[in-house]
Structure formats: C-alpha cells, structure tokens
Amino acid sequence: MHFCALLALLIDDRIQRENSDKPIDRDRCVKIALVHDLAEAVVGDLLPGELDKQEKHRRENEAMMSFRDQLNSPCGDEIYSLWMEYETGTIVCRSSRRTLTYKLIFSFIS
C-alpha cells in the first residue's frame, strides 16, 4: 500500500510535462494509493481465483462502507469515494483525444 503511495508521490514535473495533454493529479493519486488496498485489512489479501470477482468486490465494498460508517465524517466519505474511484476505474483526467483512469496510472507505478 505505501509503496504505491510513495511512487505516486514521485510523479514529478518532468512526468507532468511529458503528459501535458493528460494532466495527472498527483495529490489525488497519492490519496488513492493510500486507500486502494484498505479493504484487505478486513477481507484479507485474496489470491486470484480464490473468490469470484463479484464476491470479492461485495466483501471489499462492505468493509469500506464499514470504515466509512465508523468514521461518520466527511473524511470517511472521502476515503470511500477514493476507493470507489480506484475500484471502478473512474475517469481521472480527460483530453480531447484520450481518457486516463487511475487503474491505468497504477498499472504503470505498481
């Protein structure tokens, strides 16, 4: 979890310049990197094929909703929202020719 966050933190000005047509929100990447595996603290780090994807997502979503509800604050809502962005591959940035997702970013840095 922290390894991804450190790599996201290393997104520097050079990388930003090289990707000027599809800007990367470094702070958001760091936040997502910190929460993207948080559900595994409850569900466990499952091996591929150990559960079908729907059941894995159901368990992880339940764990993240529990975190959100226990925090009962805007911070809890943000953590859940960030996790859902990662989990669903929600669009992080757009350009006229290309769409980039957080999952795509993390495929390069993790």
C-alpha atoms as a PDB file:
ATOM      1  CA  MET A   1       0.000   0.000   0.000  1.00  0.00           C
ATOM      2  CA  HIS A   2       2.666   2.512   0.999  1.00  0.00           C
ATOM      3  CA  PHE A   3       4.900   1.561  -1.918  1.00  0.00           C
ATOM      4  CA  CYS A   4       2.252   2.742  -4.392  1.00  0.00           C
ATOM      5  CA  ALA A   5       1.767   5.956  -2.430  1.00  0.00           C
ATOM      6  CA  LEU A   6       5.486   6.684  -2.496  1.00  0.00           C
ATOM      7  CA  LEU A   7       5.629   6.050  -6.235  1.00  0.00           C
ATOM      8  CA  ALA A   8       2.626   8.311  -6.802  1.00  0.00           C
ATOM      9  CA  LEU A   9       4.364  10.989  -4.738  1.00  0.00           C
ATOM     10  CA  LEU A  10       7.315  10.767  -7.124  1.00  0.00           C
ATOM     11  CA  ILE A  11       5.227  11.936 -10.068  1.00  0.00           C
ATOM     12  CA  ASP A  12       7.321  14.974 -10.792  1.00  0.00           C
ATOM     13  CA  ASP A  13       7.257  17.976 -13.088  1.00  0.00           C
ATOM     14  CA  ARG A  14       9.068  16.027 -15.830  1.00  0.00           C
ATOM     15  CA  ILE A  15       6.326  13.406 -15.919  1.00  0.00           C
ATOM     16  CA  GLN A  16       3.739  16.166 -15.869  1.00  0.00           C
ATOM     17  CA  ARG A  17       5.425  17.884 -18.837  1.00  0.00           C
ATOM     18  CA  GLU A  18       5.636  14.621 -20.777  1.00  0.00           C
ATOM     19  CA  ASN A  19       1.909  14.100 -20.197  1.00  0.00           C
ATOM     20  CA  SER A  20       0.770  17.691 -20.631  1.00  0.00           C
ATOM     21  CA  ASP A  21      -2.190  16.609 -22.791  1.00  0.00           C
ATOM     22  CA  LYS A  22      -3.443  14.389 -19.933  1.00  0.00           C
ATOM     23  CA  PRO A  23      -2.534  16.042 -16.613  1.00  0.00           C
ATOM     24  CA  ILE A  24      -2.155  13.811 -13.576  1.00  0.00           C
ATOM     25  CA  ASP A  25      -3.463  14.984 -10.212  1.00  0.00           C
ATOM     26  CA  ARG A  26      -0.553  13.798  -8.053  1.00  0.00           C
ATOM     27  CA  ASP A  27      -2.223  14.533  -4.719  1.00  0.00           C
ATOM     28  CA  ARG A  28      -5.292  12.530  -5.724  1.00  0.00           C
ATOM     29  CA  CYS A  29      -3.067   9.657  -6.906  1.00  0.00           C
ATOM     30  CA  VAL A  30      -1.328   9.611  -3.516  1.00  0.00           C
ATOM     31  CA  LYS A  31      -4.667   9.544  -1.699  1.00  0.00           C
ATOM     32  CA  ILE A  32      -5.974   6.705  -3.841  1.00  0.00           C
ATOM     33  CA  ALA A  33      -2.722   4.788  -3.422  1.00  0.00           C
ATOM     34  CA  LEU A  34      -3.134   5.033   0.351  1.00  0.00           C
ATOM     35  CA  VAL A  35      -6.706   3.697   0.385  1.00  0.00           C
ATOM     36  CA  HIS A  36      -6.806   1.312  -2.593  1.00  0.00           C
ATOM     37  CA  ASP A  37      -5.922  -1.798  -0.537  1.00  0.00           C
ATOM     38  CA  LEU A  38      -7.528  -0.715   2.739  1.00  0.00           C
ATOM     39  CA  ALA A  39     -10.361  -3.263   2.415  1.00  0.00           C
ATOM     40  CA  GLU A  40      -7.782  -6.053   2.509  1.00  0.00           C
ATOM     41  CA  ALA A  41      -7.205  -5.237   6.177  1.00  0.00           C
ATOM     42  CA  VAL A  42     -10.645  -6.753   6.793  1.00  0.00           C
ATOM     43  CA  VAL A  43     -11.186  -9.111   3.858  1.00  0.00           C
ATOM     44  CA  GLY A  44      -7.631 -10.367   3.574  1.00  0.00           C
ATOM     45  CA  ASP A  45      -5.269 -10.333   0.613  1.00  0.00           C
ATOM     46  CA  LEU A  46      -7.047 -12.869  -1.576  1.00  0.00           C
ATOM     47  CA  LEU A  47      -5.262 -14.812  -4.282  1.00  0.00           C
ATOM     48  CA  PRO A  48      -6.593 -14.506  -7.829  1.00  0.00           C
ATOM     49  CA  GLY A  49      -9.347 -17.054  -8.321  1.00  0.00           C
ATOM     50  CA  GLU A  50      -9.883 -17.563  -4.586  1.00  0.00           C
ATOM     51  CA  LEU A  51     -13.259 -15.804  -4.921  1.00  0.00           C
ATOM     52  CA  ASP A  52     -15.169 -14.747  -7.994  1.00  0.00           C
ATOM     53  CA  LYS A  53     -14.847 -11.039  -8.776  1.00  0.00           C
ATOM     54  CA  GLN A  54     -18.375 -10.155  -7.692  1.00  0.00           C
ATOM     55  CA  GLU A  55     -17.991 -11.772  -4.273  1.00  0.00           C
ATOM     56  CA  LYS A  56     -14.563 -10.196  -3.760  1.00  0.00           C
ATOM     57  CA  HIS A  57     -15.959  -6.778  -4.653  1.00  0.00           C
ATOM     58  CA  ARG A  58     -19.001  -7.330  -2.390  1.00  0.00           C
ATOM     59  CA  ARG A  59     -16.793  -8.164   0.601  1.00  0.00           C
ATOM     60  CA  GLU A  60     -14.405  -5.299  -0.039  1.00  0.00           C
ATOM     61  CA  ASN A  61     -17.255  -2.847  -0.544  1.00  0.00           C
ATOM     62  CA  GLU A  62     -18.842  -3.990   2.719  1.00  0.00           C
ATOM     63  CA  ALA A  63     -15.507  -3.451   4.523  1.00  0.00           C
ATOM     64  CA  MET A  64     -15.090   0.037   3.033  1.00  0.00           C
ATOM     65  CA  MET A  65     -18.672   1.014   3.905  1.00  0.00           C
ATOM     66  CA  SER A  66     -17.944  -0.126   7.456  1.00  0.00           C
ATOM     67  CA  PHE A  67     -14.829   2.105   7.594  1.00  0.00           C
ATOM     68  CA  ARG A  68     -16.870   4.998   6.218  1.00  0.00           C
ATOM     69  CA  ASP A  69     -19.706   4.467   8.689  1.00  0.00           C
ATOM     70  CA  GLN A  70     -17.369   4.104  11.678  1.00  0.00           C
ATOM     71  CA  LEU A  71     -15.635   7.369  10.818  1.00  0.00           C
ATOM     72  CA  ASN A  72     -19.026   9.035  10.333  1.00  0.00           C
ATOM     73  CA  SER A  73     -17.433  12.162   8.878  1.00  0.00           C
ATOM     74  CA  PRO A  74     -16.592  13.852   5.586  1.00  0.00           C
ATOM     75  CA  CYS A  75     -13.186  12.141   5.833  1.00  0.00           C
ATOM     76  CA  GLY A  76     -14.888   8.734   5.870  1.00  0.00           C
ATOM     77  CA  ASP A  77     -16.950   9.728   2.841  1.00  0.00           C
ATOM     78  CA  GLU A  78     -13.813  10.845   1.007  1.00  0.00           C
ATOM     79  CA  ILE A  79     -11.977   7.591   1.780  1.00  0.00           C
ATOM     80  CA  TYR A  80     -14.909   5.547   0.497  1.00  0.00           C
ATOM     81  CA  SER A  81     -15.218   7.742  -2.587  1.00  0.00           C
ATOM     82  CA  LEU A  82     -11.494   7.449  -3.361  1.00  0.00           C
ATOM     83  CA  TRP A  83     -11.665   3.666  -3.001  1.00  0.00           C
ATOM     84  CA  MET A  84     -14.694   3.507  -5.313  1.00  0.00           C
ATOM     85  CA  GLU A  85     -12.860   5.637  -7.884  1.00  0.00           C
ATOM     86  CA  TYR A  86      -9.986   3.167  -7.879  1.00  0.00           C
ATOM     87  CA  GLU A  87     -12.231   0.116  -7.792  1.00  0.00           C
ATOM     88  CA  THR A  88     -14.425   1.232 -10.683  1.00  0.00           C
ATOM     89  CA  GLY A  89     -11.668   2.880 -12.719  1.00  0.00           C
ATOM     90  CA  THR A  90     -13.467   6.213 -12.748  1.00  0.00           C
ATOM     91  CA  ILE A  91     -12.005   8.721 -15.172  1.00  0.00           C
ATOM     92  CA  VAL A  92      -9.359  10.888 -13.545  1.00  0.00           C
ATOM     93  CA  CYS A  93      -8.499  13.180 -16.431  1.00  0.00           C
ATOM     94  CA  ARG A  94      -9.644  13.861 -19.925  1.00  0.00           C
ATOM     95  CA  SER A  95      -8.176  15.355 -23.024  1.00  0.00           C
ATOM     96  CA  SER A  96      -9.769  15.797 -26.405  1.00  0.00           C
ATOM     97  CA  ARG A  97      -8.116  12.600 -27.646  1.00  0.00           C
ATOM     98  CA  ARG A  98      -7.526  10.428 -24.588  1.00  0.00           C
ATOM     99  CA  THR A  99      -9.079   9.303 -21.353  1.00  0.00           C
ATOM    100  CA  LEU A 100      -6.904   8.085 -18.482  1.00  0.00           C
ATOM    101  CA  THR A 101      -8.000   6.139 -15.410  1.00  0.00           C
ATOM    102  CA  TYR A 102      -6.385   5.686 -12.023  1.00  0.00           C
ATOM    103  CA  LYS A 103      -6.121   1.975 -12.715  1.00  0.00           C
ATOM    104  CA  LEU A 104      -4.082   2.818 -15.796  1.00  0.00           C
ATOM    105  CA  ILE A 105      -1.826   5.104 -13.755  1.00  0.00           C
ATOM    106  CA  PHE A 106      -1.371   2.399 -11.115  1.00  0.00           C
ATOM    107  CA  SER A 107      -0.587  -0.177 -13.780  1.00  0.00           C
ATOM    108  CA  PHE A 108       2.495   1.921 -14.540  1.00  0.00           C
ATOM    109  CA  ILE A 109       3.591   2.591 -10.966  1.00  0.00           C
ATOM    110  CA  SER A 110       2.691  -0.591  -9.117  1.00  0.00           C
END
